[in-house]
Amino acid sequence: MIKQYSLTIKTKGRGLVDLTHDVAGFIAQSTITIGICHLFLHHTSASLTLCENADPLVHSDLEEFMQRLVPDGDRYFQHVAEGPDDMSAHVRTVLTQTFLSLPITGKKLNLGTWQGIYLWEHRFKGHERRLTVTLMGE
């Protein structure tokens, strides 16, 4: 069986947004007990990540690391039509990912103890982001 859902996430600007509960809800309302949950983000300046869900310092440390790795307003970037975070957001997305595939076991996401699913907004301003959730299994 295959089920597909769409989720719209309104971000508040740069940072991580926990999607674990939303994705788990789609699995709970389906009849799939074992299979794969595939997530696809339809954007080039935000990404998806499976990350630590217990200590918020992990999120701020990740953001700090990414800022050093891909600084906003880097003088080498030519694509700056939407501001100093334009090209850096695209590079951050390429370095991370826009899709995840996760196991479904016993009608639940089979995540590790400290794992959560996050949308990582790479732009300064908030945006409306679209995610397609595809559940495949039996």
C-alpha atoms as a PDB file:
ATOM      1  CA  MET A   1       0.000   0.000   0.000  1.00  0.00           C
ATOM      2  CA  ILE A   2       1.132   3.546  -0.710  1.00  0.00           C
ATOM      3  CA  LYS A   3      -0.230   6.689   0.937  1.00  0.00           C
ATOM      4  CA  GLN A   4       0.876  10.233   0.246  1.00  0.00           C
ATOM      5  CA  TYR A   5       0.360  13.385   2.287  1.00  0.00           C
ATOM      6  CA  SER A   6       1.337  17.015   2.003  1.00  0.00           C
ATOM      7  CA  LEU A   7       2.459  19.151   4.913  1.00  0.00           C
ATOM      8  CA  THR A   8       2.939  22.917   4.940  1.00  0.00           C
ATOM      9  CA  ILE A   9       5.335  24.294   7.531  1.00  0.00           C
ATOM     10  CA  LYS A  10       5.541  27.984   8.391  1.00  0.00           C
ATOM     11  CA  THR A  11       9.023  28.758   9.622  1.00  0.00           C
ATOM     12  CA  LYS A  12       9.986  31.751  11.740  1.00  0.00           C
ATOM     13  CA  GLY A  13      13.343  32.168  10.043  1.00  0.00           C
ATOM     14  CA  ARG A  14      16.678  30.445  10.386  1.00  0.00           C
ATOM     15  CA  GLY A  15      16.616  27.413  12.657  1.00  0.00           C
ATOM     16  CA  LEU A  16      15.233  23.920  13.129  1.00  0.00           C
ATOM     17  CA  VAL A  17      11.529  23.037  13.225  1.00  0.00           C
ATOM     18  CA  ASP A  18      10.567  19.664  14.732  1.00  0.00           C
ATOM     19  CA  LEU A  19       8.384  17.643  12.342  1.00  0.00           C
ATOM     20  CA  THR A  20       8.492  14.324  14.215  1.00  0.00           C
ATOM     21  CA  HIS A  21       4.989  14.574  15.684  1.00  0.00           C
ATOM     22  CA  ASP A  22       3.438  15.625  12.351  1.00  0.00           C
ATOM     23  CA  VAL A  23       5.061  12.775  10.432  1.00  0.00           C
ATOM     24  CA  ALA A  24       4.161  10.248  13.154  1.00  0.00           C
ATOM     25  CA  GLY A  25       0.550  11.438  12.859  1.00  0.00           C
ATOM     26  CA  PHE A  26       0.404  10.509   9.173  1.00  0.00           C
ATOM     27  CA  ILE A  27       1.673   7.027  10.011  1.00  0.00           C
ATOM     28  CA  ALA A  28      -0.851   6.653  12.830  1.00  0.00           C
ATOM     29  CA  GLN A  29      -3.772   7.522  10.541  1.00  0.00           C
ATOM     30  CA  SER A  30      -2.614   5.079   7.847  1.00  0.00           C
ATOM     31  CA  THR A  31      -3.010   1.305   7.898  1.00  0.00           C
ATOM     32  CA  ILE A  32       0.696   0.709   7.283  1.00  0.00           C
ATOM     33  CA  THR A  33       2.372  -1.307  10.047  1.00  0.00           C
ATOM     34  CA  ILE A  34       5.744  -2.010   8.407  1.00  0.00           C
ATOM     35  CA  GLY A  35       7.443  -0.102   5.610  1.00  0.00           C
ATOM     36  CA  ILE A  36       9.205   3.112   4.684  1.00  0.00           C
ATOM     37  CA  CYS A  37       8.339   6.741   5.293  1.00  0.00           C
ATOM     38  CA  HIS A  38       9.874   8.959   2.610  1.00  0.00           C
ATOM     39  CA  LEU A  39      10.002  12.732   3.139  1.00  0.00           C
ATOM     40  CA  PHE A  40      10.722  15.211   0.336  1.00  0.00           C
ATOM     41  CA  LEU A  41      11.111  18.970   0.832  1.00  0.00           C
ATOM     42  CA  HIS A  42      10.207  21.075  -2.210  1.00  0.00           C
ATOM     43  CA  HIS A  43      12.703  23.900  -1.653  1.00  0.00           C
ATOM     44  CA  THR A  44      16.315  24.902  -2.375  1.00  0.00           C
ATOM     45  CA  SER A  45      17.000  27.067   0.677  1.00  0.00           C
ATOM     46  CA  ALA A  46      15.865  24.730   3.462  1.00  0.00           C
ATOM     47  CA  SER A  47      16.640  21.113   4.246  1.00  0.00           C
ATOM     48  CA  LEU A  48      15.668  18.059   6.264  1.00  0.00           C
ATOM     49  CA  THR A  49      17.747  16.450   8.960  1.00  0.00           C
ATOM     50  CA  LEU A  50      17.550  13.649  11.477  1.00  0.00           C
ATOM     51  CA  CYS A  51      18.995  15.169  14.612  1.00  0.00           C
ATOM     52  CA  GLU A  52      19.327  15.110  18.405  1.00  0.00           C
ATOM     53  CA  ASN A  53      15.941  15.895  19.936  1.00  0.00           C
ATOM     54  CA  ALA A  54      16.802  16.231  23.649  1.00  0.00           C
ATOM     55  CA  ASP A  55      19.262  19.103  24.040  1.00  0.00           C
ATOM     56  CA  PRO A  56      18.482  22.361  22.185  1.00  0.00           C
ATOM     57  CA  LEU A  57      22.163  23.311  22.436  1.00  0.00           C
ATOM     58  CA  VAL A  58      22.802  20.782  19.657  1.00  0.00           C
ATOM     59  CA  HIS A  59      20.659  22.905  17.328  1.00  0.00           C
ATOM     60  CA  SER A  60      22.404  26.159  18.198  1.00  0.00           C
ATOM     61  CA  ASP A  61      25.817  24.454  17.857  1.00  0.00           C
ATOM     62  CA  LEU A  62      24.848  23.143  14.416  1.00  0.00           C
ATOM     63  CA  GLU A  63      23.766  26.614  13.349  1.00  0.00           C
ATOM     64  CA  GLU A  64      27.016  28.110  14.657  1.00  0.00           C
ATOM     65  CA  PHE A  65      29.066  25.482  12.804  1.00  0.00           C
ATOM     66  CA  MET A  66      27.143  26.047   9.559  1.00  0.00           C
ATOM     67  CA  GLN A  67      27.621  29.818   9.868  1.00  0.00           C
ATOM     68  CA  ARG A  68      31.397  29.316  10.036  1.00  0.00           C
ATOM     69  CA  LEU A  69      31.351  26.787   7.197  1.00  0.00           C
ATOM     70  CA  VAL A  70      29.064  28.821   4.898  1.00  0.00           C
ATOM     71  CA  PRO A  71      29.040  32.468   6.014  1.00  0.00           C
ATOM     72  CA  ASP A  72      26.277  34.758   4.847  1.00  0.00           C
ATOM     73  CA  GLY A  73      27.342  37.514   2.490  1.00  0.00           C
ATOM     74  CA  ASP A  74      30.537  35.724   1.445  1.00  0.00           C
ATOM     75  CA  ARG A  75      32.251  37.993  -1.098  1.00  0.00           C
ATOM     76  CA  TYR A  76      32.727  35.046  -3.464  1.00  0.00           C
ATOM     77  CA  PHE A  77      28.988  34.536  -3.919  1.00  0.00           C
ATOM     78  CA  GLN A  78      27.522  36.176  -7.012  1.00  0.00           C
ATOM     79  CA  HIS A  79      23.929  34.959  -6.545  1.00  0.00           C
ATOM     80  CA  VAL A  80      22.695  37.497  -3.983  1.00  0.00           C
ATOM     81  CA  ALA A  81      19.418  38.630  -5.586  1.00  0.00           C
ATOM     82  CA  GLU A  82      17.455  38.087  -2.358  1.00  0.00           C
ATOM     83  CA  GLY A  83      20.069  39.290   0.120  1.00  0.00           C
ATOM     84  CA  PRO A  84      23.196  38.089   1.918  1.00  0.00           C
ATOM     85  CA  ASP A  85      21.560  34.803   2.998  1.00  0.00           C
ATOM     86  CA  ASP A  86      20.526  33.894  -0.576  1.00  0.00           C
ATOM     87  CA  MET A  87      23.450  31.848  -1.876  1.00  0.00           C
ATOM     88  CA  SER A  88      24.538  30.668   1.569  1.00  0.00           C
ATOM     89  CA  ALA A  89      21.069  29.123   2.032  1.00  0.00           C
ATOM     90  CA  HIS A  90      21.441  27.235  -1.255  1.00  0.00           C
ATOM     91  CA  VAL A  91      24.915  25.960  -0.300  1.00  0.00           C
ATOM     92  CA  ARG A  92      23.626  24.844   3.115  1.00  0.00           C
ATOM     93  CA  THR A  93      20.843  22.893   1.409  1.00  0.00           C
ATOM     94  CA  VAL A  94      23.263  21.184  -0.975  1.00  0.00           C
ATOM     95  CA  LEU A  95      25.512  20.217   1.966  1.00  0.00           C
ATOM     96  CA  THR A  96      22.592  18.729   3.879  1.00  0.00           C
ATOM     97  CA  GLN A  97      19.592  17.054   2.207  1.00  0.00           C
ATOM     98  CA  THR A  98      16.058  17.611   0.989  1.00  0.00           C
ATOM     99  CA  PHE A  99      14.810  14.061   1.535  1.00  0.00           C
ATOM    100  CA  LEU A 100      14.849  11.357   4.212  1.00  0.00           C
ATOM    101  CA  SER A 101      13.765   7.709   4.192  1.00  0.00           C
ATOM    102  CA  LEU A 102      12.877   6.268   7.584  1.00  0.00           C
ATOM    103  CA  PRO A 103      11.630   2.841   8.705  1.00  0.00           C
ATOM    104  CA  ILE A 104       8.101   2.185   9.913  1.00  0.00           C
ATOM    105  CA  THR A 105       7.859  -0.665  12.416  1.00  0.00           C
ATOM    106  CA  GLY A 106       4.774  -1.599  14.396  1.00  0.00           C
ATOM    107  CA  LYS A 107       2.810   1.317  12.878  1.00  0.00           C
ATOM    108  CA  LYS A 108       5.374   3.829  14.265  1.00  0.00           C
ATOM    109  CA  LEU A 109       8.488   5.616  13.130  1.00  0.00           C
ATOM    110  CA  ASN A 110      11.426   3.438  14.094  1.00  0.00           C
ATOM    111  CA  LEU A 111      13.735   6.201  15.304  1.00  0.00           C
ATOM    112  CA  GLY A 112      16.591   6.051  17.784  1.00  0.00           C
ATOM    113  CA  THR A 113      16.062   7.242  21.351  1.00  0.00           C
ATOM    114  CA  TRP A 114      17.374  10.771  20.757  1.00  0.00           C
ATOM    115  CA  GLN A 115      16.387  11.219  17.103  1.00  0.00           C
ATOM    116  CA  GLY A 116      13.896  13.715  15.741  1.00  0.00           C
ATOM    117  CA  ILE A 117      12.943  14.838  12.230  1.00  0.00           C
ATOM    118  CA  TYR A 118      13.625  18.504  11.530  1.00  0.00           C
ATOM    119  CA  LEU A 119      13.125  21.022   8.775  1.00  0.00           C
ATOM    120  CA  TRP A 120      16.176  23.292   8.808  1.00  0.00           C
ATOM    121  CA  GLU A 121      15.295  26.764   7.567  1.00  0.00           C
ATOM    122  CA  HIS A 122      18.388  28.436   6.099  1.00  0.00           C
ATOM    123  CA  ARG A 123      16.898  31.868   5.365  1.00  0.00           C
ATOM    124  CA  PHE A 124      16.729  34.779   7.836  1.00  0.00           C
ATOM    125  CA  LYS A 125      13.039  35.430   7.166  1.00  0.00           C
ATOM    126  CA  GLY A 126      10.283  32.928   7.782  1.00  0.00           C
ATOM    127  CA  HIS A 127       8.916  31.021   4.816  1.00  0.00           C
ATOM    128  CA  GLU A 128       6.104  28.637   4.026  1.00  0.00           C
ATOM    129  CA  ARG A 129       7.683  25.272   3.180  1.00  0.00           C
ATOM    130  CA  ARG A 130       6.020  22.286   1.484  1.00  0.00           C
ATOM    131  CA  LEU A 131       6.819  18.689   2.372  1.00  0.00           C
ATOM    132  CA  THR A 132       5.555  15.534   0.676  1.00  0.00           C
ATOM    133  CA  VAL A 133       5.295  12.490   2.955  1.00  0.00           C
ATOM    134  CA  THR A 134       5.026   9.149   1.166  1.00  0.00           C
ATOM    135  CA  LEU A 135       4.305   6.004   3.169  1.00  0.00           C
ATOM    136  CA  MET A 136       4.995   2.653   1.527  1.00  0.00           C
ATOM    137  CA  GLY A 137       4.400  -0.708   3.163  1.00  0.00           C
ATOM    138  CA  GLU A 138       1.849  -3.181   4.348  1.00  0.00           C
END
